Amino acid sequence: MKDETTTALVEESQRIKVATAAIGLNFADVFTVLGLYKAANLVRTGNNGKDTSNSGGGILDPFVPGIEFAGVVLEANGDFTKGDRVFGFTRFGAYSDIVSTRPEFIRKIPNKWSFEQGAAFLVNALTAWHGLVNVGGMPDLLSKHRKKNDNGNQKDIYVVVVHSASGGVGLWASEIAARRGAVVVGVVGSEEKKDTFMKRVGTLCNGDAAQCIVRSNNARDFDRDLAEACQKARHLSQRSSGGGVSSTAAQQQQSLPFFSTCLQTAEAGYGADLVMECYGGKYFAPSMEVINPGGSLSTYGATTYNDSGLGEGIPFVSLILNYIRRPRVDPGELTGRNIR
């Protein structure tokens, strides 16, 4: 006999009902309805999120997708009163007229926010924070408790590369990194997206150090562009902060790039300290190679898996082929380069 605490009935009495006014639409929701999202499939096979060897024989029960929402509280409960404007997170089921959720998963919407802004905030912003801080280990470079470096400055030069830097998670990751004192190198898919990144993130970085490159379709060109952007970001930040830069820094800047590949750049310590990666495919290797010793990589997606170039429809063949060809990480390389 084993004693277990049953929380279902207690939770039901403590749950808060919210009439939804807006919902968030994420890539996770798209993959959920296609049956390609593992976390949702575990729920849909009756395993309550537990990964078992027999996941229901591949039969997926109908269920309601959606993981973020905003709306109005229907009944007073705990710290919330009837009529409160709230936004929240739920493990699926947000695409409903009424969402019943635990109070720790909702917050009151700031007065200046719309319902749409509330519903679009949590997944993107928390994914960005989790990837940067919890997984990537990014420090708060502006903390008053942070020790000064060897040059007498409290702020070290810390370079963060963000893929899809004008997207939902990418913009939040770029802004969070910049506001924590990093120099951000954004990677985007077009010149228009580059403008979006620079307007929102460029002014937050040290001086004019923020960089943004348009992703090339050629892997070798991407490798070169990323290496050059990281070098420029570091040198411009050093020049702006005066962090131990020699008197020839301006002349040296004109001769950039010093190194033509990401691996050479990282080996010399001019690469990135953290990479927020979501492209996968041919872009993964350069993004790993540009990481400085002691740095880290956080993966928050793999958009190139779905990049079939075949127009509309679900590219199942392309998805399968790209999955089979997905990049592999050698643990020995991580150890040898002291990255994670």
C-alpha atoms as a PDB file:
ATOM      1  CA  MET A   1       0.000   0.000   0.000  1.00  0.00           C
ATOM      2  CA  LYS A   2       1.236   3.490  -0.886  1.00  0.00           C
ATOM      3  CA  ASP A   3      -0.094   6.778   0.464  1.00  0.00           C
ATOM      4  CA  GLU A   4      -0.552   9.483  -2.148  1.00  0.00           C
ATOM      5  CA  THR A   5      -1.979  12.961  -1.873  1.00  0.00           C
ATOM      6  CA  THR A   6      -4.954  13.518  -4.158  1.00  0.00           C
ATOM      7  CA  THR A   7      -5.151  17.114  -5.325  1.00  0.00           C
ATOM      8  CA  ALA A   8      -7.745  16.964  -8.083  1.00  0.00           C
ATOM      9  CA  LEU A   9     -10.760  17.888  -5.895  1.00  0.00           C
ATOM     10  CA  VAL A  10      -8.832  20.535  -3.982  1.00  0.00           C
ATOM     11  CA  GLU A  11      -7.563  22.039  -7.200  1.00  0.00           C
ATOM     12  CA  GLU A  12     -11.051  22.173  -8.689  1.00  0.00           C
ATOM     13  CA  SER A  13     -12.321  24.228  -5.777  1.00  0.00           C
ATOM     14  CA  GLN A  14      -9.341  26.555  -6.069  1.00  0.00           C
ATOM     15  CA  ARG A  15      -9.424  26.962  -9.823  1.00  0.00           C
ATOM     16  CA  ILE A  16     -10.399  30.283 -11.332  1.00  0.00           C
ATOM     17  CA  LYS A  17     -12.751  30.547 -14.279  1.00  0.00           C
ATOM     18  CA  VAL A  18     -11.859  33.130 -16.906  1.00  0.00           C
ATOM     19  CA  ALA A  19     -14.044  34.237 -19.818  1.00  0.00           C
ATOM     20  CA  THR A  20     -11.557  34.485 -22.642  1.00  0.00           C
ATOM     21  CA  ALA A  21     -11.310  37.704 -24.629  1.00  0.00           C
ATOM     22  CA  ALA A  22      -8.135  36.865 -26.572  1.00  0.00           C
ATOM     23  CA  ILE A  23      -5.925  33.828 -27.152  1.00  0.00           C
ATOM     24  CA  GLY A  24      -2.337  33.397 -28.287  1.00  0.00           C
ATOM     25  CA  LEU A  25      -1.475  31.483 -31.455  1.00  0.00           C
ATOM     26  CA  ASN A  26       1.963  29.872 -31.388  1.00  0.00           C
ATOM     27  CA  PHE A  27       3.922  27.396 -33.495  1.00  0.00           C
ATOM     28  CA  ALA A  28       3.334  24.892 -30.707  1.00  0.00           C
ATOM     29  CA  ASP A  29      -0.413  25.147 -31.367  1.00  0.00           C
ATOM     30  CA  VAL A  30       0.102  24.538 -35.085  1.00  0.00           C
ATOM     31  CA  PHE A  31       2.199  21.448 -34.415  1.00  0.00           C
ATOM     32  CA  THR A  32      -0.329  20.310 -31.819  1.00  0.00           C
ATOM     33  CA  VAL A  33      -3.225  20.133 -34.281  1.00  0.00           C
ATOM     34  CA  LEU A  34      -0.942  18.351 -36.765  1.00  0.00           C
ATOM     35  CA  GLY A  35      -0.177  15.702 -34.151  1.00  0.00           C
ATOM     36  CA  LEU A  36       3.521  16.633 -34.134  1.00  0.00           C
ATOM     37  CA  TYR A  37       3.829  18.078 -30.620  1.00  0.00           C
ATOM     38  CA  LYS A  38       4.931  15.396 -28.169  1.00  0.00           C
ATOM     39  CA  ALA A  39       3.710  17.108 -24.988  1.00  0.00           C
ATOM     40  CA  ALA A  40       0.222  17.434 -26.431  1.00  0.00           C
ATOM     41  CA  ASN A  41       0.207  13.877 -27.763  1.00  0.00           C
ATOM     42  CA  LEU A  42       0.976  12.518 -24.289  1.00  0.00           C
ATOM     43  CA  VAL A  43      -2.106  14.310 -22.989  1.00  0.00           C
ATOM     44  CA  ARG A  44      -4.204  13.201 -25.930  1.00  0.00           C
ATOM     45  CA  THR A  45      -3.342   9.526 -25.391  1.00  0.00           C
ATOM     46  CA  GLY A  46      -4.500   9.619 -21.784  1.00  0.00           C
ATOM     47  CA  ASN A  47      -1.024   9.476 -20.235  1.00  0.00           C
ATOM     48  CA  ASN A  48      -1.444  12.779 -18.393  1.00  0.00           C
ATOM     49  CA  GLY A  49       1.894  13.982 -19.627  1.00  0.00           C
ATOM     50  CA  LYS A  50       3.773  10.816 -18.612  1.00  0.00           C
ATOM     51  CA  ASP A  51       6.056   9.408 -21.293  1.00  0.00           C
ATOM     52  CA  THR A  52       5.459   5.657 -21.480  1.00  0.00           C
ATOM     53  CA  SER A  53       6.588   2.981 -23.890  1.00  0.00           C
ATOM     54  CA  ASN A  54       2.998   2.502 -24.983  1.00  0.00           C
ATOM     55  CA  SER A  55       1.540   5.887 -25.768  1.00  0.00           C
ATOM     56  CA  GLY A  56      -1.910   4.718 -26.700  1.00  0.00           C
ATOM     57  CA  GLY A  57      -1.057   2.955 -29.916  1.00  0.00           C
ATOM     58  CA  GLY A  58      -0.794   6.241 -31.796  1.00  0.00           C
ATOM     59  CA  ILE A  59      -4.514   7.043 -31.366  1.00  0.00           C
ATOM     60  CA  LEU A  60      -4.961  10.683 -30.407  1.00  0.00           C
ATOM     61  CA  ASP A  61      -8.113  11.653 -28.527  1.00  0.00           C
ATOM     62  CA  PRO A  62      -9.843  14.925 -29.457  1.00  0.00           C
ATOM     63  CA  PHE A  63      -8.905  17.806 -27.220  1.00  0.00           C
ATOM     64  CA  VAL A  64      -8.770  21.618 -27.120  1.00  0.00           C
ATOM     65  CA  PRO A  65      -5.422  23.241 -27.996  1.00  0.00           C
ATOM     66  CA  GLY A  66      -4.127  26.600 -26.795  1.00  0.00           C
ATOM     67  CA  ILE A  67      -1.676  27.473 -24.032  1.00  0.00           C
ATOM     68  CA  GLU A  68      -2.094  31.204 -23.362  1.00  0.00           C
ATOM     69  CA  PHE A  69      -5.089  33.471 -23.007  1.00  0.00           C
ATOM     70  CA  ALA A  70      -6.462  36.708 -21.578  1.00  0.00           C
ATOM     71  CA  GLY A  71      -9.910  37.561 -20.280  1.00  0.00           C
ATOM     72  CA  VAL A  72     -12.114  38.424 -17.332  1.00  0.00           C
ATOM     73  CA  VAL A  73     -12.473  36.538 -14.037  1.00  0.00           C
ATOM     74  CA  LEU A  74     -16.020  35.178 -13.667  1.00  0.00           C
ATOM     75  CA  GLU A  75     -16.057  34.427  -9.922  1.00  0.00           C
ATOM     76  CA  ALA A  76     -14.067  35.821  -7.005  1.00  0.00           C
ATOM     77  CA  ASN A  77     -11.425  33.420  -5.748  1.00  0.00           C
ATOM     78  CA  GLY A  78      -8.381  34.124  -3.572  1.00  0.00           C
ATOM     79  CA  ASP A  79      -6.591  37.277  -4.665  1.00  0.00           C
ATOM     80  CA  PHE A  80      -8.829  37.695  -7.697  1.00  0.00           C
ATOM     81  CA  THR A  81     -12.239  39.326  -7.787  1.00  0.00           C
ATOM     82  CA  LYS A  82     -15.041  39.091 -10.326  1.00  0.00           C
ATOM     83  CA  GLY A  83     -14.295  41.312 -13.317  1.00  0.00           C
ATOM     84  CA  ASP A  84     -10.506  41.353 -12.948  1.00  0.00           C
ATOM     85  CA  ARG A  85      -8.680  41.554 -16.280  1.00  0.00           C
ATOM     86  CA  VAL A  86      -6.113  38.740 -16.327  1.00  0.00           C
ATOM     87  CA  PHE A  87      -3.758  36.889 -18.614  1.00  0.00           C
ATOM     88  CA  GLY A  88      -2.538  33.367 -18.075  1.00  0.00           C
ATOM     89  CA  PHE A  89      -1.073  30.057 -19.120  1.00  0.00           C
ATOM     90  CA  THR A  90      -2.633  26.621 -19.247  1.00  0.00           C
ATOM     91  CA  ARG A  91      -1.448  23.181 -20.324  1.00  0.00           C
ATOM     92  CA  PHE A  92      -3.737  23.210 -23.366  1.00  0.00           C
ATOM     93  CA  GLY A  93      -7.415  24.133 -23.498  1.00  0.00           C
ATOM     94  CA  ALA A  94      -7.074  27.896 -23.983  1.00  0.00           C
ATOM     95  CA  TYR A  95      -9.102  27.890 -27.208  1.00  0.00           C
ATOM     96  CA  SER A  96     -12.339  27.936 -25.227  1.00  0.00           C
ATOM     97  CA  ASP A  97     -14.959  30.464 -24.233  1.00  0.00           C
ATOM     98  CA  ILE A  98     -14.149  29.754 -20.581  1.00  0.00           C
ATOM     99  CA  VAL A  99     -10.815  28.567 -19.192  1.00  0.00           C
ATOM    100  CA  SER A 100     -10.526  27.006 -15.744  1.00  0.00           C
ATOM    101  CA  THR A 101      -7.010  27.268 -14.366  1.00  0.00           C
ATOM    102  CA  ARG A 102      -5.000  27.426 -11.162  1.00  0.00           C
ATOM    103  CA  PRO A 103      -4.471  30.892  -9.661  1.00  0.00           C
ATOM    104  CA  GLU A 104      -0.672  30.693  -9.816  1.00  0.00           C
ATOM    105  CA  PHE A 105      -0.934  30.515 -13.601  1.00  0.00           C
ATOM    106  CA  ILE A 106      -2.651  33.878 -14.069  1.00  0.00           C
ATOM    107  CA  ARG A 107      -1.732  37.493 -13.400  1.00  0.00           C
ATOM    108  CA  LYS A 108      -3.635  40.769 -13.612  1.00  0.00           C
ATOM    109  CA  ILE A 109      -3.157  42.618 -16.881  1.00  0.00           C
ATOM    110  CA  PRO A 110      -1.339  45.975 -16.535  1.00  0.00           C
ATOM    111  CA  ASN A 111      -3.709  48.893 -17.024  1.00  0.00           C
ATOM    112  CA  LYS A 112      -2.121  50.016 -20.277  1.00  0.00           C
ATOM    113  CA  TRP A 113      -2.259  46.552 -21.873  1.00  0.00           C
ATOM    114  CA  SER A 114      -5.020  45.268 -24.133  1.00  0.00           C
ATOM    115  CA  PHE A 115      -6.350  41.726 -23.916  1.00  0.00           C
ATOM    116  CA  GLU A 116      -4.459  40.932 -27.111  1.00  0.00           C
ATOM    117  CA  GLN A 117      -1.181  42.107 -25.601  1.00  0.00           C
ATOM    118  CA  GLY A 118      -1.789  40.035 -22.496  1.00  0.00           C
ATOM    119  CA  ALA A 119      -2.563  36.890 -24.486  1.00  0.00           C
ATOM    120  CA  ALA A 120       0.565  37.310 -26.617  1.00  0.00           C
ATOM    121  CA  PHE A 121       3.018  37.879 -23.767  1.00  0.00           C
ATOM    122  CA  LEU A 122       3.611  34.778 -21.662  1.00  0.00           C
ATOM    123  CA  VAL A 123       4.785  32.046 -24.045  1.00  0.00           C
ATOM    124  CA  ASN A 124       7.167  34.244 -26.000  1.00  0.00           C
ATOM    125  CA  ALA A 125       8.594  36.186 -23.056  1.00  0.00           C
ATOM    126  CA  LEU A 126       8.956  33.221 -20.698  1.00  0.00           C
ATOM    127  CA  THR A 127      10.525  31.084 -23.426  1.00  0.00           C
ATOM    128  CA  ALA A 128      13.048  33.846 -24.037  1.00  0.00           C
ATOM    129  CA  TRP A 129      13.823  34.231 -20.327  1.00  0.00           C
ATOM    130  CA  HIS A 130      14.093  30.484 -19.778  1.00  0.00           C
ATOM    131  CA  GLY A 131      16.446  30.057 -22.717  1.00  0.00           C
ATOM    132  CA  LEU A 132      18.663  32.981 -21.797  1.00  0.00           C
ATOM    133  CA  VAL A 133      18.827  32.734 -18.015  1.00  0.00           C
ATOM    134  CA  ASN A 134      17.737  29.280 -16.853  1.00  0.00           C
ATOM    135  CA  VAL A 135      19.258  27.254 -19.693  1.00  0.00           C
ATOM    136  CA  GLY A 136      21.909  29.570 -21.107  1.00  0.00           C
ATOM    137  CA  GLY A 137      23.070  30.840 -17.727  1.00  0.00           C
ATOM    138  CA  MET A 138      23.232  34.491 -18.772  1.00  0.00           C
ATOM    139  CA  PRO A 139      24.202  36.716 -15.812  1.00  0.00           C
ATOM    140  CA  ASP A 140      22.750  40.125 -15.044  1.00  0.00           C
ATOM    141  CA  LEU A 141      25.695  42.199 -16.214  1.00  0.00           C
ATOM    142  CA  LEU A 142      24.199  45.393 -14.796  1.00  0.00           C
ATOM    143  CA  SER A 143      23.664  44.092 -11.272  1.00  0.00           C
ATOM    144  CA  LYS A 144      25.183  46.305  -8.611  1.00  0.00           C
ATOM    145  CA  HIS A 145      26.336  43.154  -6.820  1.00  0.00           C
ATOM    146  CA  ARG A 146      28.413  42.012  -9.780  1.00  0.00           C
ATOM    147  CA  LYS A 147      32.169  42.156  -9.190  1.00  0.00           C
ATOM    148  CA  LYS A 148      34.315  44.451 -11.299  1.00  0.00           C
ATOM    149  CA  ASN A 149      36.478  42.903 -13.982  1.00  0.00           C
ATOM    150  CA  ASP A 150      40.245  43.192 -14.369  1.00  0.00           C
ATOM    151  CA  ASN A 151      39.881  46.533 -16.147  1.00  0.00           C
ATOM    152  CA  GLY A 152      37.990  48.063 -13.225  1.00  0.00           C
ATOM    153  CA  ASN A 153      34.675  47.981 -15.060  1.00  0.00           C
ATOM    154  CA  GLN A 154      31.583  46.372 -13.622  1.00  0.00           C
ATOM    155  CA  LYS A 155      30.332  45.327 -17.060  1.00  0.00           C
ATOM    156  CA  ASP A 156      32.142  42.726 -19.151  1.00  0.00           C
ATOM    157  CA  ILE A 157      31.568  42.483 -22.890  1.00  0.00           C
ATOM    158  CA  TYR A 158      28.993  39.714 -23.283  1.00  0.00           C
ATOM    159  CA  VAL A 159      27.744  38.894 -26.782  1.00  0.00           C
ATOM    160  CA  VAL A 160      24.428  37.119 -27.377  1.00  0.00           C
ATOM    161  CA  VAL A 161      23.399  35.825 -30.809  1.00  0.00           C
ATOM    162  CA  VAL A 162      19.639  35.517 -31.358  1.00  0.00           C
ATOM    163  CA  HIS A 163      18.143  33.640 -34.301  1.00  0.00           C
ATOM    164  CA  SER A 164      14.853  34.875 -35.730  1.00  0.00           C
ATOM    165  CA  ALA A 165      15.511  38.073 -33.817  1.00  0.00           C
ATOM    166  CA  SER A 166      12.444  39.906 -35.131  1.00  0.00           C
ATOM    167  CA  GLY A 167      10.035  37.112 -34.202  1.00  0.00           C
ATOM    168  CA  GLY A 168       8.051  36.692 -31.008  1.00  0.00           C
ATOM    169  CA  VAL A 169      10.604  34.850 -28.881  1.00  0.00           C
ATOM    170  CA  GLY A 170      13.521  36.438 -30.739  1.00  0.00           C
ATOM    171  CA  LEU A 171      12.506  40.025 -30.027  1.00  0.00           C
ATOM    172  CA  TRP A 172      11.918  39.285 -26.363  1.00  0.00           C
ATOM    173  CA  ALA A 173      15.224  37.422 -26.084  1.00  0.00           C
ATOM    174  CA  SER A 174      17.057  40.286 -27.773  1.00  0.00           C
ATOM    175  CA  GLU A 175      15.497  42.918 -25.531  1.00  0.00           C
ATOM    176  CA  ILE A 176      15.958  40.928 -22.324  1.00  0.00           C
ATOM    177  CA  ALA A 177      19.598  40.254 -23.187  1.00  0.00           C
ATOM    178  CA  ALA A 178      20.217  43.919 -23.994  1.00  0.00           C
ATOM    179  CA  ARG A 179      18.523  45.111 -20.806  1.00  0.00           C
ATOM    180  CA  ARG A 180      20.722  42.735 -18.808  1.00  0.00           C
ATOM    181  CA  GLY A 181      23.800  44.364 -20.323  1.00  0.00           C
ATOM    182  CA  ALA A 182      24.611  42.151 -23.316  1.00  0.00           C
ATOM    183  CA  VAL A 183      25.517  43.178 -26.839  1.00  0.00           C
ATOM    184  CA  VAL A 184      23.063  41.486 -29.182  1.00  0.00           C
ATOM    185  CA  VAL A 185      23.717  40.092 -32.653  1.00  0.00           C
ATOM    186  CA  GLY A 186      20.402  39.427 -34.345  1.00  0.00           C
ATOM    187  CA  VAL A 187      19.828  37.071 -37.266  1.00  0.00           C
ATOM    188  CA  VAL A 188      16.731  37.723 -39.385  1.00  0.00           C
ATOM    189  CA  GLY A 189      15.234  36.709 -42.713  1.00  0.00           C
ATOM    190  CA  SER A 190      14.863  40.040 -44.529  1.00  0.00           C
ATOM    191  CA  GLU A 191      15.895  43.693 -44.569  1.00  0.00           C
ATOM    192  CA  GLU A 192      12.462  44.713 -43.276  1.00  0.00           C
ATOM    193  CA  LYS A 193      12.912  42.461 -40.253  1.00  0.00           C
ATOM    194  CA  LYS A 194      16.381  43.896 -39.754  1.00  0.00           C
ATOM    195  CA  ASP A 195      14.823  47.361 -39.429  1.00  0.00           C
ATOM    196  CA  THR A 196      12.369  46.019 -36.832  1.00  0.00           C
ATOM    197  CA  PHE A 197      15.213  44.567 -34.775  1.00  0.00           C
ATOM    198  CA  MET A 198      17.382  47.686 -34.894  1.00  0.00           C
ATOM    199  CA  LYS A 199      14.536  50.019 -33.933  1.00  0.00           C
ATOM    200  CA  ARG A 200      13.611  47.973 -30.875  1.00  0.00           C
ATOM    201  CA  VAL A 201      16.982  46.588 -29.751  1.00  0.00           C
ATOM    202  CA  GLY A 202      19.689  48.735 -31.312  1.00  0.00           C
ATOM    203  CA  THR A 203      19.300  51.647 -28.900  1.00  0.00           C
ATOM    204  CA  LEU A 204      19.391  49.341 -25.856  1.00  0.00           C
ATOM    205  CA  CYS A 205      22.907  48.052 -26.489  1.00  0.00           C
ATOM    206  CA  ASN A 206      26.136  49.787 -25.588  1.00  0.00           C
ATOM    207  CA  GLY A 207      26.704  52.579 -28.109  1.00  0.00           C
ATOM    208  CA  ASP A 208      26.147  51.349 -31.671  1.00  0.00           C
ATOM    209  CA  ALA A 209      27.408  47.861 -30.894  1.00  0.00           C
ATOM    210  CA  ALA A 210      24.227  45.927 -31.746  1.00  0.00           C
ATOM    211  CA  GLN A 211      24.492  44.026 -35.010  1.00  0.00           C
ATOM    212  CA  CYS A 212      21.932  42.386 -37.257  1.00  0.00           C
ATOM    213  CA  ILE A 213      22.514  40.184 -40.283  1.00  0.00           C
ATOM    214  CA  VAL A 214      20.088  38.881 -42.874  1.00  0.00           C
ATOM    215  CA  ARG A 215      20.323  35.099 -42.989  1.00  0.00           C
ATOM    216  CA  SER A 216      21.978  33.871 -46.158  1.00  0.00           C
ATOM    217  CA  ASN A 217      20.774  30.721 -47.901  1.00  0.00           C
ATOM    218  CA  ASN A 218      24.399  29.716 -48.356  1.00  0.00           C
ATOM    219  CA  ALA A 219      25.913  28.069 -45.271  1.00  0.00           C
ATOM    220  CA  ARG A 220      29.417  29.361 -45.984  1.00  0.00           C
ATOM    221  CA  ASP A 221      28.198  32.937 -46.401  1.00  0.00           C
ATOM    222  CA  PHE A 222      26.192  32.636 -43.192  1.00  0.00           C
ATOM    223  CA  ASP A 223      29.291  31.416 -41.361  1.00  0.00           C
ATOM    224  CA  ARG A 224      31.285  34.405 -42.591  1.00  0.00           C
ATOM    225  CA  ASP A 225      28.555  36.959 -41.872  1.00  0.00           C
ATOM    226  CA  LEU A 226      27.974  35.670 -38.346  1.00  0.00           C
ATOM    227  CA  ALA A 227      31.697  35.651 -37.567  1.00  0.00           C
ATOM    228  CA  GLU A 228      32.072  39.234 -38.772  1.00  0.00           C
ATOM    229  CA  ALA A 229      28.999  40.457 -36.873  1.00  0.00           C
ATOM    230  CA  CYS A 230      30.232  38.990 -33.578  1.00  0.00           C
ATOM    231  CA  GLN A 231      33.635  40.593 -34.026  1.00  0.00           C
ATOM    232  CA  LYS A 232      32.100  43.978 -34.834  1.00  0.00           C
ATOM    233  CA  ALA A 233      29.749  43.794 -31.866  1.00  0.00           C
ATOM    234  CA  ARG A 234      32.556  43.074 -29.425  1.00  0.00           C
ATOM    235  CA  HIS A 235      34.934  45.729 -30.776  1.00  0.00           C
ATOM    236  CA  LEU A 236      32.319  48.459 -31.011  1.00  0.00           C
ATOM    237  CA  SER A 237      31.215  47.733 -27.454  1.00  0.00           C
ATOM    238  CA  GLN A 238      34.798  47.834 -26.200  1.00  0.00           C
ATOM    239  CA  ARG A 239      35.423  51.115 -27.948  1.00  0.00           C
ATOM    240  CA  SER A 240      32.224  52.641 -26.568  1.00  0.00           C
ATOM    241  CA  SER A 241      32.851  51.548 -22.968  1.00  0.00           C
ATOM    242  CA  GLY A 242      36.612  52.054 -22.955  1.00  0.00           C
ATOM    243  CA  GLY A 243      36.982  48.596 -21.470  1.00  0.00           C
ATOM    244  CA  GLY A 244      40.709  48.167 -21.824  1.00  0.00           C
ATOM    245  CA  VAL A 245      40.866  48.964 -25.532  1.00  0.00           C
ATOM    246  CA  SER A 246      44.189  50.013 -26.981  1.00  0.00           C
ATOM    247  CA  SER A 247      44.699  53.356 -28.717  1.00  0.00           C
ATOM    248  CA  THR A 248      44.647  51.582 -32.077  1.00  0.00           C
ATOM    249  CA  ALA A 249      41.121  50.211 -31.596  1.00  0.00           C
ATOM    250  CA  ALA A 250      39.605  52.532 -34.206  1.00  0.00           C
ATOM    251  CA  GLN A 251      42.208  51.554 -36.785  1.00  0.00           C
ATOM    252  CA  GLN A 252      41.758  47.888 -35.952  1.00  0.00           C
ATOM    253  CA  GLN A 253      38.008  48.243 -36.380  1.00  0.00           C
ATOM    254  CA  GLN A 254      38.515  49.319 -39.982  1.00  0.00           C
ATOM    255  CA  SER A 255      40.312  46.069 -40.761  1.00  0.00           C
ATOM    256  CA  LEU A 256      37.546  43.786 -39.510  1.00  0.00           C
ATOM    257  CA  PRO A 257      36.922  40.941 -39.795  1.00  0.00           C
ATOM    258  CA  PHE A 258      40.082  39.573 -38.260  1.00  0.00           C
ATOM    259  CA  PHE A 259      38.793  36.008 -38.660  1.00  0.00           C
ATOM    260  CA  SER A 260      36.798  34.666 -41.584  1.00  0.00           C
ATOM    261  CA  THR A 261      35.002  31.739 -39.923  1.00  0.00           C
ATOM    262  CA  CYS A 262      32.932  31.275 -36.786  1.00  0.00           C
ATOM    263  CA  LEU A 263      35.271  28.653 -35.358  1.00  0.00           C
ATOM    264  CA  GLN A 264      38.346  30.880 -35.777  1.00  0.00           C
ATOM    265  CA  THR A 265      36.431  33.760 -34.215  1.00  0.00           C
ATOM    266  CA  ALA A 266      35.468  31.715 -31.152  1.00  0.00           C
ATOM    267  CA  GLU A 267      38.909  30.197 -30.707  1.00  0.00           C
ATOM    268  CA  ALA A 268      40.308  33.720 -30.482  1.00  0.00           C
ATOM    269  CA  GLY A 269      37.635  34.762 -27.954  1.00  0.00           C
ATOM    270  CA  TYR A 270      35.822  37.145 -30.319  1.00  0.00           C
ATOM    271  CA  GLY A 271      32.695  35.026 -30.730  1.00  0.00           C
ATOM    272  CA  ALA A 272      29.423  34.769 -28.814  1.00  0.00           C
ATOM    273  CA  ASP A 273      28.954  33.908 -25.159  1.00  0.00           C
ATOM    274  CA  LEU A 274      25.420  32.641 -25.688  1.00  0.00           C
ATOM    275  CA  VAL A 275      23.403  31.666 -28.764  1.00  0.00           C
ATOM    276  CA  MET A 276      19.604  31.507 -28.840  1.00  0.00           C
ATOM    277  CA  GLU A 277      19.201  29.082 -31.731  1.00  0.00           C
ATOM    278  CA  CYS A 278      16.041  28.134 -33.601  1.00  0.00           C
ATOM    279  CA  TYR A 279      16.991  27.516 -37.234  1.00  0.00           C
ATOM    280  CA  GLY A 280      18.641  24.126 -37.144  1.00  0.00           C
ATOM    281  CA  GLY A 281      19.728  22.578 -40.446  1.00  0.00           C
ATOM    282  CA  LYS A 282      22.727  24.129 -42.167  1.00  0.00           C
ATOM    283  CA  TYR A 283      22.710  27.065 -39.746  1.00  0.00           C
ATOM    284  CA  PHE A 284      23.304  24.958 -36.666  1.00  0.00           C
ATOM    285  CA  ALA A 285      27.018  24.179 -37.133  1.00  0.00           C
ATOM    286  CA  PRO A 286      28.166  27.817 -37.528  1.00  0.00           C
ATOM    287  CA  SER A 287      26.003  28.793 -34.569  1.00  0.00           C
ATOM    288  CA  MET A 288      27.742  26.154 -32.436  1.00  0.00           C
ATOM    289  CA  GLU A 289      31.180  27.034 -33.749  1.00  0.00           C
ATOM    290  CA  VAL A 290      30.856  30.757 -32.938  1.00  0.00           C
ATOM    291  CA  ILE A 291      30.488  30.079 -29.188  1.00  0.00           C
ATOM    292  CA  ASN A 292      33.429  31.204 -27.051  1.00  0.00           C
ATOM    293  CA  PRO A 293      34.982  28.804 -24.519  1.00  0.00           C
ATOM    294  CA  GLY A 294      32.673  28.687 -21.502  1.00  0.00           C
ATOM    295  CA  GLY A 295      29.685  29.766 -23.573  1.00  0.00           C
ATOM    296  CA  SER A 296      26.359  28.065 -24.170  1.00  0.00           C
ATOM    297  CA  LEU A 297      23.641  27.423 -26.736  1.00  0.00           C
ATOM    298  CA  SER A 298      19.896  27.307 -26.105  1.00  0.00           C
ATOM    299  CA  THR A 299      17.667  25.808 -28.773  1.00  0.00           C
ATOM    300  CA  TYR A 300      14.065  26.979 -28.851  1.00  0.00           C
ATOM    301  CA  GLY A 301      12.917  25.599 -32.199  1.00  0.00           C
ATOM    302  CA  ALA A 302      13.928  24.268 -35.596  1.00  0.00           C
ATOM    303  CA  THR A 303      12.211  26.365 -38.240  1.00  0.00           C
ATOM    304  CA  THR A 304      14.171  24.967 -41.186  1.00  0.00           C
ATOM    305  CA  TYR A 305      12.498  21.580 -40.660  1.00  0.00           C
ATOM    306  CA  ASN A 306       9.384  23.132 -42.174  1.00  0.00           C
ATOM    307  CA  ASP A 307      11.204  25.078 -44.884  1.00  0.00           C
ATOM    308  CA  SER A 308      10.221  23.009 -47.899  1.00  0.00           C
ATOM    309  CA  GLY A 309       9.864  25.772 -50.472  1.00  0.00           C
ATOM    310  CA  LEU A 310       6.963  23.843 -52.033  1.00  0.00           C
ATOM    311  CA  GLY A 311       4.192  26.347 -51.394  1.00  0.00           C
ATOM    312  CA  GLU A 312       1.033  25.677 -49.402  1.00  0.00           C
ATOM    313  CA  GLY A 313       0.127  22.481 -47.611  1.00  0.00           C
ATOM    314  CA  ILE A 314       1.789  20.294 -45.012  1.00  0.00           C
ATOM    315  CA  PRO A 315       5.249  19.247 -46.280  1.00  0.00           C
ATOM    316  CA  PHE A 316       5.350  15.848 -44.561  1.00  0.00           C
ATOM    317  CA  VAL A 317       8.107  14.490 -46.829  1.00  0.00           C
ATOM    318  CA  SER A 318      10.244  17.560 -46.189  1.00  0.00           C
ATOM    319  CA  LEU A 319       9.592  17.358 -42.462  1.00  0.00           C
ATOM    320  CA  ILE A 320      10.673  13.723 -42.339  1.00  0.00           C
ATOM    321  CA  LEU A 321      13.798  14.273 -44.439  1.00  0.00           C
ATOM    322  CA  ASN A 322      14.858  17.325 -42.445  1.00  0.00           C
ATOM    323  CA  TYR A 323      14.279  15.440 -39.209  1.00  0.00           C
ATOM    324  CA  ILE A 324      16.449  12.539 -40.366  1.00  0.00           C
ATOM    325  CA  ARG A 325      19.173  14.975 -41.434  1.00  0.00           C
ATOM    326  CA  ARG A 326      18.947  17.057 -38.282  1.00  0.00           C
ATOM    327  CA  PRO A 327      22.297  18.114 -36.772  1.00  0.00           C
ATOM    328  CA  ARG A 328      23.951  15.913 -34.174  1.00  0.00           C
ATOM    329  CA  VAL A 329      25.949  17.242 -31.237  1.00  0.00           C
ATOM    330  CA  ASP A 330      29.146  15.441 -30.248  1.00  0.00           C
ATOM    331  CA  PRO A 331      29.524  15.432 -26.435  1.00  0.00           C
ATOM    332  CA  GLY A 332      33.277  15.186 -26.913  1.00  0.00           C
ATOM    333  CA  GLU A 333      33.269  18.482 -28.804  1.00  0.00           C
ATOM    334  CA  LEU A 334      31.366  20.168 -25.990  1.00  0.00           C
ATOM    335  CA  THR A 335      33.927  18.978 -23.478  1.00  0.00           C
ATOM    336  CA  GLY A 336      36.905  19.842 -25.644  1.00  0.00           C
ATOM    337  CA  ARG A 337      35.675  23.380 -26.312  1.00  0.00           C
ATOM    338  CA  ASN A 338      34.215  23.854 -22.822  1.00  0.00           C
ATOM    339  CA  ILE A 339      30.786  24.862 -24.094  1.00  0.00           C
ATOM    340  CA  ARG A 340      27.302  23.667 -23.307  1.00  0.00           C
END
